[in-house]
N, C-alpha and C. Protein backbone atom coordinates (compact mmCIF):
# COMPACT_ATOMS: atom_id res chain seq x y z
N MET A 1 46.46 -45.17 11.76
CA MET A 1 45.74 -44.19 11.62
C MET A 1 44.69 -44.08 10.98
N ILE A 2 43.39 -43.68 11.69
CA ILE A 2 42.43 -43.65 10.49
C ILE A 2 41.69 -41.98 10.24
N VAL A 3 42.27 -41.66 9.44
CA VAL A 3 41.87 -39.99 9.05
C VAL A 3 39.78 -39.50 8.63
N PHE A 4 39.16 -39.02 8.88
CA PHE A 4 37.84 -38.92 8.22
C PHE A 4 38.11 -37.60 7.50
N GLY A 5 37.74 -37.17 6.39
CA GLY A 5 37.90 -35.95 6.12
C GLY A 5 36.24 -35.74 5.83
N LEU A 6 35.78 -34.43 6.16
CA LEU A 6 34.17 -34.36 6.09
C LEU A 6 33.93 -32.72 5.02
N GLY A 7 32.90 -33.43 4.15
CA GLY A 7 32.43 -32.53 3.44
C GLY A 7 31.51 -33.41 2.87
N ASN A 8 30.82 -32.82 1.42
CA ASN A 8 29.56 -33.29 0.98
C ASN A 8 29.92 -34.03 -0.42
N PRO A 9 28.88 -35.02 -0.49
CA PRO A 9 29.28 -35.43 -2.05
C PRO A 9 29.17 -34.80 -3.02
N GLY A 10 29.17 -34.58 -4.23
CA GLY A 10 28.93 -34.06 -5.37
C GLY A 10 29.37 -33.05 -5.97
N SER A 11 29.57 -32.76 -7.15
CA SER A 11 30.74 -31.85 -7.43
C SER A 11 30.07 -30.61 -7.63
N GLN A 12 28.85 -30.14 -7.16
CA GLN A 12 28.53 -29.24 -6.99
C GLN A 12 28.87 -28.51 -5.39
N TYR A 13 29.52 -29.71 -4.90
CA TYR A 13 30.48 -29.23 -3.58
C TYR A 13 31.57 -29.42 -3.92
N GLU A 14 31.94 -29.11 -5.08
CA GLU A 14 33.50 -28.59 -4.41
C GLU A 14 34.32 -27.80 -4.29
N ARG A 15 35.25 -27.43 -4.04
CA ARG A 15 35.66 -25.94 -3.78
C ARG A 15 34.72 -25.13 -2.96
N THR A 16 33.82 -25.64 -1.84
CA THR A 16 32.87 -25.22 -1.64
C THR A 16 33.54 -25.14 0.18
N ARG A 17 33.40 -23.95 0.91
CA ARG A 17 34.10 -24.49 2.27
C ARG A 17 33.94 -25.42 3.27
N HIS A 18 32.38 -25.57 3.16
CA HIS A 18 31.96 -27.02 4.38
C HIS A 18 33.13 -28.29 3.41
N ASN A 19 33.48 -28.33 2.32
CA ASN A 19 34.46 -29.66 2.00
C ASN A 19 35.90 -29.20 2.02
N ALA A 20 36.27 -28.35 3.12
CA ALA A 20 37.47 -28.73 3.47
C ALA A 20 37.64 -29.48 3.96
N GLY A 21 37.36 -30.80 4.48
CA GLY A 21 38.12 -32.12 5.12
C GLY A 21 38.10 -32.74 3.45
N PHE A 22 37.25 -32.49 2.85
CA PHE A 22 38.03 -33.10 1.26
C PHE A 22 38.89 -33.09 1.13
N MET A 23 39.39 -31.46 0.70
CA MET A 23 40.26 -31.62 0.38
C MET A 23 41.41 -31.32 0.53
N VAL A 24 41.83 -31.36 2.14
CA VAL A 24 42.98 -31.59 2.76
C VAL A 24 42.68 -33.14 2.81
N VAL A 25 42.29 -34.57 2.57
CA VAL A 25 42.57 -35.80 2.50
C VAL A 25 42.65 -36.06 0.78
N ASP A 26 41.71 -35.40 0.29
CA ASP A 26 42.48 -35.62 -1.35
C ASP A 26 43.91 -35.49 -2.00
N LYS A 27 44.42 -33.55 -1.19
CA LYS A 27 45.79 -34.20 -1.22
C LYS A 27 46.54 -35.39 -0.47
N LEU A 28 46.12 -35.43 0.84
CA LEU A 28 46.85 -36.55 1.53
C LEU A 28 47.02 -37.35 0.90
N ALA A 29 46.26 -38.01 -0.04
CA ALA A 29 46.20 -39.38 -0.06
C ALA A 29 46.85 -39.25 -1.70
N ALA A 30 47.13 -37.54 -2.33
CA ALA A 30 48.30 -37.60 -3.73
C ALA A 30 49.43 -37.51 -3.20
N LEU A 31 49.97 -37.40 -1.80
CA LEU A 31 51.48 -36.89 -1.40
C LEU A 31 51.44 -38.60 -1.09
N GLU A 32 50.71 -39.30 -0.64
CA GLU A 32 51.06 -40.78 0.10
C GLU A 32 50.64 -41.64 -0.96
N GLU A 33 50.17 -41.30 -2.49
CA GLU A 33 50.48 -42.14 -3.52
C GLU A 33 49.33 -43.12 -3.15
N VAL A 34 48.22 -43.04 -3.03
CA VAL A 34 47.42 -44.27 -2.48
C VAL A 34 45.88 -43.29 -2.96
N THR A 35 45.08 -44.16 -3.70
CA THR A 35 43.82 -44.00 -4.40
C THR A 35 42.63 -44.56 -3.47
N PHE A 36 41.61 -43.42 -3.43
CA PHE A 36 40.40 -43.92 -2.95
C PHE A 36 39.42 -44.51 -3.94
N ARG A 37 38.63 -45.46 -2.87
CA ARG A 37 38.42 -46.72 -4.06
C ARG A 37 36.82 -46.94 -2.74
N LYS A 38 35.95 -47.32 -3.31
CA LYS A 38 34.20 -46.82 -3.11
C LYS A 38 34.63 -48.60 -2.43
N ARG A 39 34.41 -48.37 -1.08
CA ARG A 39 34.22 -49.65 -0.31
C ARG A 39 32.46 -50.20 -0.63
N CYS A 40 32.09 -51.11 -0.97
CA CYS A 40 31.37 -52.03 -1.30
C CYS A 40 30.27 -52.06 -0.12
N PHE A 41 29.00 -51.79 -0.32
CA PHE A 41 28.08 -52.16 0.58
C PHE A 41 28.26 -50.40 1.79
N ARG A 42 29.49 -50.01 1.44
CA ARG A 42 29.49 -48.99 2.78
C ARG A 42 29.10 -47.50 2.12
N LEU A 43 28.88 -46.58 2.54
CA LEU A 43 28.77 -45.10 2.87
C LEU A 43 30.39 -44.17 2.95
N ILE A 44 30.91 -45.00 1.96
CA ILE A 44 32.43 -44.25 2.16
C ILE A 44 33.31 -44.70 0.81
N MET A 45 34.20 -43.54 0.36
CA MET A 45 35.56 -43.98 -0.01
C MET A 45 36.87 -44.28 0.41
N GLN A 46 37.91 -45.06 0.30
CA GLN A 46 38.77 -45.47 1.36
C GLN A 46 39.89 -45.39 0.38
N ALA A 47 40.87 -44.82 1.23
CA ALA A 47 42.23 -45.28 0.24
C ALA A 47 43.39 -45.58 1.73
N ARG A 48 44.39 -47.01 1.53
CA ARG A 48 44.35 -47.14 2.63
C ARG A 48 45.92 -47.16 1.97
N LYS A 49 47.37 -47.41 2.94
CA LYS A 49 48.92 -48.44 2.58
C LYS A 49 49.07 -48.73 4.44
N PRO A 50 49.56 -48.86 4.72
CA PRO A 50 49.99 -49.95 5.66
C PRO A 50 49.94 -48.52 6.72
N GLY A 51 49.48 -48.61 7.78
CA GLY A 51 49.56 -47.60 8.75
C GLY A 51 48.38 -46.64 8.83
N LEU A 52 48.19 -46.14 7.57
CA LEU A 52 46.97 -44.94 6.82
C LEU A 52 45.83 -45.92 6.37
N THR A 53 44.76 -45.00 7.14
CA THR A 53 43.49 -45.70 6.40
C THR A 53 43.04 -44.01 6.48
N ILE A 54 42.27 -43.68 5.11
CA ILE A 54 42.21 -42.17 4.97
C ILE A 54 40.31 -42.09 4.04
N VAL A 55 39.43 -41.55 5.00
CA VAL A 55 37.68 -42.13 4.64
C VAL A 55 37.38 -40.89 4.63
N LYS A 56 36.25 -40.67 3.31
CA LYS A 56 35.50 -40.14 2.95
C LYS A 56 34.35 -40.55 2.41
N PRO A 57 33.14 -40.31 3.87
CA PRO A 57 32.29 -40.30 4.28
C PRO A 57 31.33 -40.26 2.33
N LEU A 58 30.21 -40.89 1.91
CA LEU A 58 29.53 -40.65 0.62
C LEU A 58 27.98 -40.30 1.21
N THR A 59 28.08 -39.77 2.92
CA THR A 59 26.95 -38.87 3.13
C THR A 59 26.95 -38.01 2.94
N PHE A 60 25.87 -37.10 3.53
CA PHE A 60 25.70 -35.65 3.84
C PHE A 60 26.37 -35.14 4.66
N MET A 61 27.63 -34.13 5.03
CA MET A 61 27.87 -33.81 6.11
C MET A 61 27.50 -33.97 7.54
N ASN A 62 25.91 -33.73 7.61
CA ASN A 62 25.35 -33.31 9.10
C ASN A 62 25.15 -35.43 9.21
N ARG A 63 25.33 -36.14 8.52
CA ARG A 63 25.15 -37.57 8.88
C ARG A 63 26.61 -38.43 8.07
N SER A 64 27.37 -37.52 8.64
CA SER A 64 28.84 -38.29 8.60
C SER A 64 28.88 -39.12 9.66
N GLY A 65 28.72 -39.41 10.71
CA GLY A 65 28.70 -40.34 11.21
C GLY A 65 28.51 -41.53 11.02
N THR A 66 27.28 -41.92 10.43
CA THR A 66 27.59 -43.33 9.70
C THR A 66 28.19 -43.52 9.10
N ALA A 67 28.79 -42.90 8.17
CA ALA A 67 30.21 -43.87 7.57
C ALA A 67 31.73 -44.02 8.97
N ALA A 68 31.47 -42.91 10.11
CA ALA A 68 32.37 -43.10 11.10
C ALA A 68 32.19 -44.16 12.05
N LYS A 69 30.94 -45.03 12.34
CA LYS A 69 30.27 -46.28 12.57
C LYS A 69 31.35 -47.56 13.06
N PRO A 70 31.34 -47.74 11.65
CA PRO A 70 32.29 -49.17 11.51
C PRO A 70 33.54 -48.92 12.39
N TYR A 71 34.05 -47.98 12.57
CA TYR A 71 35.38 -47.46 12.84
C TYR A 71 35.48 -47.15 14.46
N ALA A 72 34.60 -47.22 14.76
CA ALA A 72 34.26 -46.54 16.21
C ALA A 72 35.03 -47.91 17.19
N SER A 73 35.53 -49.09 16.96
CA SER A 73 35.77 -49.94 18.02
C SER A 73 37.43 -50.27 17.59
N LYS A 74 37.52 -49.92 16.29
CA LYS A 74 39.17 -50.07 16.06
C LYS A 74 40.43 -49.05 17.05
N SER A 75 41.07 -49.30 17.25
CA SER A 75 42.27 -49.10 17.81
C SER A 75 43.20 -47.80 18.08
N GLU A 76 43.31 -47.59 16.50
CA GLU A 76 44.32 -47.06 16.44
C GLU A 76 43.73 -45.67 16.19
N VAL A 77 44.75 -44.86 15.83
CA VAL A 77 44.43 -42.77 16.63
C VAL A 77 43.51 -42.72 15.52
N LYS A 78 42.21 -41.51 15.82
CA LYS A 78 41.73 -41.47 14.90
C LYS A 78 41.66 -39.30 14.57
N LEU A 79 41.96 -39.66 13.18
CA LEU A 79 41.63 -38.26 13.21
C LEU A 79 40.42 -37.53 12.05
N ILE A 80 40.08 -36.10 12.94
CA ILE A 80 39.12 -35.51 12.01
C ILE A 80 39.56 -34.55 11.14
N VAL A 81 39.15 -34.18 10.06
CA VAL A 81 39.58 -33.04 9.19
C VAL A 81 38.97 -32.05 8.45
N CYS A 82 37.86 -31.18 9.45
CA CYS A 82 36.89 -30.30 8.71
C CYS A 82 37.03 -28.81 8.53
N ASP A 83 36.47 -27.79 8.20
CA ASP A 83 35.98 -26.39 8.09
C ASP A 83 36.19 -26.05 9.66
N ASN A 84 36.07 -25.13 9.81
CA ASN A 84 35.95 -24.13 11.43
C ASN A 84 35.34 -22.73 10.47
N MET A 85 34.59 -22.13 11.11
CA MET A 85 34.17 -20.43 10.52
C MET A 85 34.63 -20.23 11.84
N ASP A 86 35.23 -20.14 12.81
CA ASP A 86 35.86 -19.30 13.92
C ASP A 86 37.19 -19.13 13.50
N LEU A 87 38.02 -19.26 12.13
CA LEU A 87 39.15 -19.84 11.86
C LEU A 87 38.97 -18.74 10.62
N PRO A 88 39.85 -17.53 9.91
CA PRO A 88 39.90 -17.23 8.71
C PRO A 88 40.86 -17.70 7.60
N ILE A 89 39.92 -17.54 6.21
CA ILE A 89 40.70 -18.36 5.52
C ILE A 89 42.24 -18.56 5.50
N GLY A 90 42.79 -19.31 5.32
CA GLY A 90 44.19 -20.08 5.17
C GLY A 90 44.70 -19.89 6.79
N SER A 91 44.11 -20.29 7.55
CA SER A 91 44.71 -20.92 8.50
C SER A 91 44.23 -22.10 9.13
N LEU A 92 45.14 -22.90 9.63
CA LEU A 92 44.89 -24.13 9.99
C LEU A 92 45.08 -24.39 11.21
N ARG A 93 44.39 -25.22 11.76
CA ARG A 93 44.95 -25.54 13.58
C ARG A 93 44.38 -26.66 13.90
N ILE A 94 45.32 -27.46 14.38
CA ILE A 94 45.17 -28.60 14.61
C ILE A 94 45.08 -29.10 16.26
N LYS A 95 44.38 -29.89 17.08
CA LYS A 95 43.91 -29.88 18.78
C LYS A 95 43.55 -31.28 18.73
N PHE A 96 43.35 -31.41 20.22
CA PHE A 96 43.02 -33.06 20.74
C PHE A 96 41.28 -32.84 21.24
N GLY A 97 40.74 -33.27 21.09
CA GLY A 97 39.86 -33.47 21.44
C GLY A 97 38.78 -32.05 21.57
N GLY A 98 37.86 -31.87 22.50
CA GLY A 98 37.05 -30.11 22.67
C GLY A 98 35.99 -30.78 22.23
N HIS A 99 35.47 -29.36 22.25
CA HIS A 99 33.36 -29.46 21.59
C HIS A 99 33.75 -28.87 20.44
N THR A 100 32.52 -29.67 19.96
CA THR A 100 32.00 -29.39 18.58
C THR A 100 31.79 -27.60 17.74
N ALA A 101 31.79 -27.13 18.88
CA ALA A 101 31.28 -25.48 18.13
C ALA A 101 30.28 -25.82 17.41
N GLY A 102 29.18 -25.99 17.60
CA GLY A 102 28.05 -26.41 16.66
C GLY A 102 28.35 -27.45 15.56
N HIS A 103 29.11 -27.83 14.70
CA HIS A 103 29.67 -28.19 13.60
C HIS A 103 28.75 -29.34 13.68
N LYS A 104 27.85 -29.21 13.13
CA LYS A 104 26.96 -30.61 12.80
C LYS A 104 27.53 -32.35 12.37
N GLY A 105 28.54 -31.91 11.67
CA GLY A 105 28.99 -33.09 10.94
C GLY A 105 30.13 -33.76 12.12
N LEU A 106 30.50 -32.65 12.36
CA LEU A 106 31.80 -33.10 13.42
C LEU A 106 31.05 -34.00 14.45
N THR A 107 29.88 -33.04 15.25
CA THR A 107 29.02 -33.91 16.67
C THR A 107 28.67 -35.62 15.55
N ASP A 108 28.05 -35.55 14.79
CA ASP A 108 27.87 -36.79 14.21
C ASP A 108 28.90 -37.38 14.16
N VAL A 109 30.07 -36.95 13.55
CA VAL A 109 31.34 -38.20 13.62
C VAL A 109 31.46 -38.79 15.40
N THR A 110 31.56 -37.39 16.28
CA THR A 110 31.84 -38.21 17.52
C THR A 110 30.79 -38.80 18.38
N ARG A 111 29.72 -38.73 18.24
CA ARG A 111 28.76 -39.35 18.02
C ARG A 111 29.13 -40.47 18.65
N PHE A 112 30.23 -41.63 17.57
CA PHE A 112 30.59 -42.60 17.15
C PHE A 112 31.94 -42.65 17.76
N LEU A 113 32.82 -41.82 17.01
CA LEU A 113 34.24 -41.94 17.66
C LEU A 113 34.74 -41.63 18.80
N GLY A 114 33.67 -40.91 19.43
CA GLY A 114 34.16 -40.18 20.60
C GLY A 114 34.80 -38.59 20.87
N PRO A 115 34.43 -37.67 21.68
CA PRO A 115 35.13 -36.61 21.50
C PRO A 115 37.09 -36.60 21.53
N ASP A 116 37.17 -37.85 22.08
CA ASP A 116 39.08 -37.78 21.87
C ASP A 116 39.87 -38.10 21.02
N THR A 117 39.37 -37.30 20.30
CA THR A 117 40.15 -37.35 18.52
C THR A 117 41.49 -36.35 18.08
N ILE A 118 42.01 -36.23 17.50
CA ILE A 118 42.98 -35.46 16.53
C ILE A 118 41.85 -34.38 15.69
N ARG A 119 41.89 -33.62 15.74
CA ARG A 119 41.52 -32.80 14.90
C ARG A 119 41.67 -31.84 14.05
N VAL A 120 41.56 -31.41 12.74
CA VAL A 120 42.35 -30.74 11.88
C VAL A 120 41.81 -29.42 11.22
N TYR A 121 41.72 -28.70 11.53
CA TYR A 121 40.73 -27.47 11.10
C TYR A 121 41.16 -26.72 9.79
N LEU A 122 40.11 -26.44 9.29
CA LEU A 122 40.88 -25.45 7.94
C LEU A 122 39.59 -24.31 8.21
N GLY A 123 40.67 -23.10 8.31
CA GLY A 123 39.71 -21.78 8.84
C GLY A 123 38.59 -21.53 6.89
N VAL A 124 37.24 -20.79 7.08
CA VAL A 124 36.50 -21.06 6.40
C VAL A 124 36.10 -19.37 6.75
N GLY A 125 36.53 -18.40 7.54
CA GLY A 125 36.07 -17.37 8.17
C GLY A 125 34.51 -17.42 8.37
N ARG A 126 33.98 -16.00 8.57
CA ARG A 126 33.12 -15.77 9.27
C ARG A 126 31.77 -15.73 7.83
N PRO A 127 30.30 -15.44 8.61
CA PRO A 127 29.80 -15.23 7.18
C PRO A 127 29.73 -13.85 7.08
N ASP A 128 29.35 -13.11 6.13
CA ASP A 128 28.61 -11.46 5.82
C ASP A 128 27.56 -11.54 6.71
N GLU A 129 27.64 -10.21 6.90
CA GLU A 129 25.93 -9.62 7.68
C GLU A 129 25.14 -9.61 6.43
N GLY A 130 23.95 -10.89 7.07
CA GLY A 130 22.71 -11.00 5.98
C GLY A 130 23.34 -12.64 5.87
N VAL A 131 23.97 -12.93 5.69
CA VAL A 131 24.56 -14.29 4.85
C VAL A 131 24.10 -15.34 6.15
N SER A 132 23.21 -16.17 6.30
CA SER A 132 23.20 -17.53 7.22
C SER A 132 24.56 -18.41 6.91
N VAL A 133 24.29 -19.14 7.99
CA VAL A 133 25.40 -20.29 7.90
C VAL A 133 26.03 -21.38 6.42
N PRO A 134 24.35 -21.67 6.69
CA PRO A 134 24.14 -22.69 5.78
C PRO A 134 24.76 -21.70 4.59
N ASP A 135 24.10 -21.09 4.10
CA ASP A 135 24.85 -20.03 2.57
C ASP A 135 26.10 -19.92 2.62
N HIS A 136 26.83 -19.64 3.71
CA HIS A 136 27.98 -19.83 3.88
C HIS A 136 29.46 -20.48 3.87
N VAL A 137 28.66 -21.28 4.48
CA VAL A 137 29.53 -22.94 4.70
C VAL A 137 29.28 -23.99 3.10
N LEU A 138 28.36 -23.42 2.61
CA LEU A 138 28.04 -24.12 1.10
C LEU A 138 28.45 -23.47 -0.20
N SER A 139 29.24 -22.40 0.00
CA SER A 139 29.68 -21.35 -1.10
C SER A 139 30.35 -21.06 -1.10
N ARG A 140 31.16 -21.33 -2.89
CA ARG A 140 32.49 -21.53 -3.37
C ARG A 140 33.68 -20.54 -2.52
N ILE A 141 34.22 -21.38 -2.29
CA ILE A 141 35.84 -20.13 -2.01
C ILE A 141 36.02 -19.55 -3.03
N PRO A 142 36.39 -17.90 -2.47
CA PRO A 142 35.87 -17.44 -3.80
C PRO A 142 37.82 -17.72 -4.58
N ASP A 143 37.30 -17.17 -5.99
CA ASP A 143 38.71 -17.34 -6.50
C ASP A 143 40.05 -16.78 -6.03
N ASP A 144 40.11 -15.44 -5.34
CA ASP A 144 41.26 -14.45 -5.04
C ASP A 144 41.95 -14.89 -3.95
N LEU A 145 40.90 -15.70 -2.96
CA LEU A 145 41.02 -16.46 -1.76
C LEU A 145 41.52 -18.10 -1.66
N PHE A 146 41.50 -18.65 -2.80
CA PHE A 146 41.30 -19.84 -3.14
C PHE A 146 42.56 -20.65 -3.15
N PRO A 147 43.79 -19.50 -3.15
CA PRO A 147 45.38 -19.93 -3.56
C PRO A 147 45.94 -20.25 -1.75
N LEU A 148 45.11 -19.21 -0.67
CA LEU A 148 45.83 -18.91 0.45
C LEU A 148 44.71 -20.36 1.36
N PHE A 149 43.80 -20.90 1.13
CA PHE A 149 42.93 -21.88 1.38
C PHE A 149 43.33 -23.16 0.92
N GLU A 150 43.89 -23.33 -0.41
CA GLU A 150 44.78 -24.27 -0.78
C GLU A 150 45.94 -24.72 -0.40
N LYS A 151 46.99 -23.66 -0.28
CA LYS A 151 48.34 -23.76 0.59
C LYS A 151 47.66 -24.12 2.60
N ALA A 152 46.81 -23.70 2.94
CA ALA A 152 46.80 -24.05 4.69
C ALA A 152 46.29 -25.84 3.70
N ALA A 153 45.28 -26.63 3.15
CA ALA A 153 44.74 -27.36 2.60
C ALA A 153 45.88 -28.74 2.78
N GLU A 154 47.58 -28.17 1.67
CA GLU A 154 48.47 -28.39 1.81
C GLU A 154 48.98 -28.80 2.74
N GLN A 155 49.39 -27.54 3.40
CA GLN A 155 50.09 -27.53 5.30
C GLN A 155 49.18 -28.78 5.93
N GLY A 156 47.86 -28.57 5.93
CA GLY A 156 46.71 -29.66 6.69
C GLY A 156 47.65 -31.26 6.63
N ALA A 157 47.52 -31.46 5.31
CA ALA A 157 48.05 -32.84 4.98
C ALA A 157 49.03 -33.37 5.07
N ARG A 158 49.97 -32.32 5.09
CA ARG A 158 51.53 -32.35 5.55
C ARG A 158 51.50 -33.02 6.85
N ALA A 159 50.55 -31.97 7.56
CA ALA A 159 50.97 -32.03 9.22
C ALA A 159 50.12 -33.75 9.11
N ILE A 160 49.34 -34.23 8.64
CA ILE A 160 49.08 -35.65 8.89
C ILE A 160 49.71 -35.99 8.78
N MET A 161 50.54 -36.43 7.72
CA MET A 161 51.50 -37.51 7.36
C MET A 161 52.83 -37.12 8.71
N ASP A 162 52.91 -35.81 8.77
CA ASP A 162 54.18 -36.29 10.46
C ASP A 162 53.40 -37.12 10.97
N LEU A 163 51.55 -36.50 11.81
CA LEU A 163 51.29 -37.39 12.99
C LEU A 163 51.80 -38.60 12.27
N ALA A 164 50.95 -39.17 11.16
CA ALA A 164 50.79 -40.62 11.39
C ALA A 164 52.30 -41.54 10.92
N GLU A 165 53.63 -40.81 10.77
CA GLU A 165 55.15 -41.07 10.68
C GLU A 165 55.63 -41.75 12.10
N GLY A 166 54.36 -40.65 12.87
CA GLY A 166 54.84 -40.99 14.17
C GLY A 166 55.41 -39.56 15.28
N LYS A 167 55.29 -38.53 14.48
CA LYS A 167 55.54 -36.94 15.63
C LYS A 167 54.98 -36.91 16.30
N ARG A 168 55.26 -36.58 17.59
CA ARG A 168 54.28 -35.84 18.45
C ARG A 168 53.25 -35.14 17.62
N LEU A 169 51.95 -34.73 18.82
CA LEU A 169 50.92 -34.49 18.90
C LEU A 169 51.45 -32.49 18.28
N GLU A 170 52.33 -32.41 19.79
CA GLU A 170 52.45 -31.51 20.04
C GLU A 170 53.62 -30.34 19.19
N ALA A 171 54.65 -31.20 18.96
CA ALA A 171 55.71 -30.81 16.96
C ALA A 171 54.50 -30.38 16.17
N VAL A 172 53.63 -31.30 16.18
CA VAL A 172 53.31 -30.96 14.97
C VAL A 172 52.17 -29.47 15.50
N GLN A 173 51.51 -29.07 16.04
CA GLN A 173 51.18 -28.45 16.25
C GLN A 173 51.59 -27.15 16.61
N GLN A 174 52.76 -27.16 17.11
CA GLN A 174 53.86 -26.04 16.85
C GLN A 174 54.39 -25.62 15.87
N GLN A 175 54.29 -26.52 14.83
CA GLN A 175 55.04 -26.09 13.52
C GLN A 175 53.80 -26.05 12.53
N TYR A 176 52.76 -26.10 12.26
CA TYR A 176 51.65 -26.05 11.44
C TYR A 176 50.45 -25.12 12.13
N ASN A 177 50.06 -24.78 13.24
CA ASN A 177 48.86 -24.34 13.51
C ASN A 177 49.33 -22.63 13.29
N THR A 178 48.72 -22.37 12.65
CA THR A 178 48.65 -20.74 11.71
C THR A 178 46.88 -19.80 12.14
N ARG A 179 47.40 -18.62 12.43
CA ARG A 179 46.06 -17.75 11.61
C ARG A 179 46.60 -16.64 11.32
N LYS A 180 45.78 -16.60 9.85
CA LYS A 180 46.16 -15.77 9.07
C LYS A 180 44.44 -14.61 9.54
N GLU A 181 44.59 -13.05 9.69
CA GLU A 181 43.88 -12.50 9.38
C GLU A 181 43.85 -10.72 8.57
């Protein structure tokens, strides 16, 4: 299985809503006891163990497809982890394929991997009145909501582990899909 966690590189983007994918794959790497390493001459960080490759693009979110391009021809199951504004913070949604709902990073990755990928979405909520979408997704998750978000990220990592170990998608969806209100 190849897992792509979407986010933006750099410490200024840590704990931002748009880095949900990075947070999940960081937790996944910790649970799997693997370390991210920069790949020579490639715009990615990668952690590997037999049967599992975890990828963090070193490009900005909207250019994540560049990092996915070398994996397009691989026959392994591909999974993309990213934020979703249509879900409240603390929600987790796992699904197969579908539209990108205007998510530019997801759109760029699926341009190379195709629409038929497993997706793990972490809810980041909608922007408040008068706040633009870019300002919202690039904002830090409020401290009071961060534990809820972190719990969902942990559950996302565990769901990916279950999928990598061969558990059926439908069973993983039933166990992990949540919607907090």
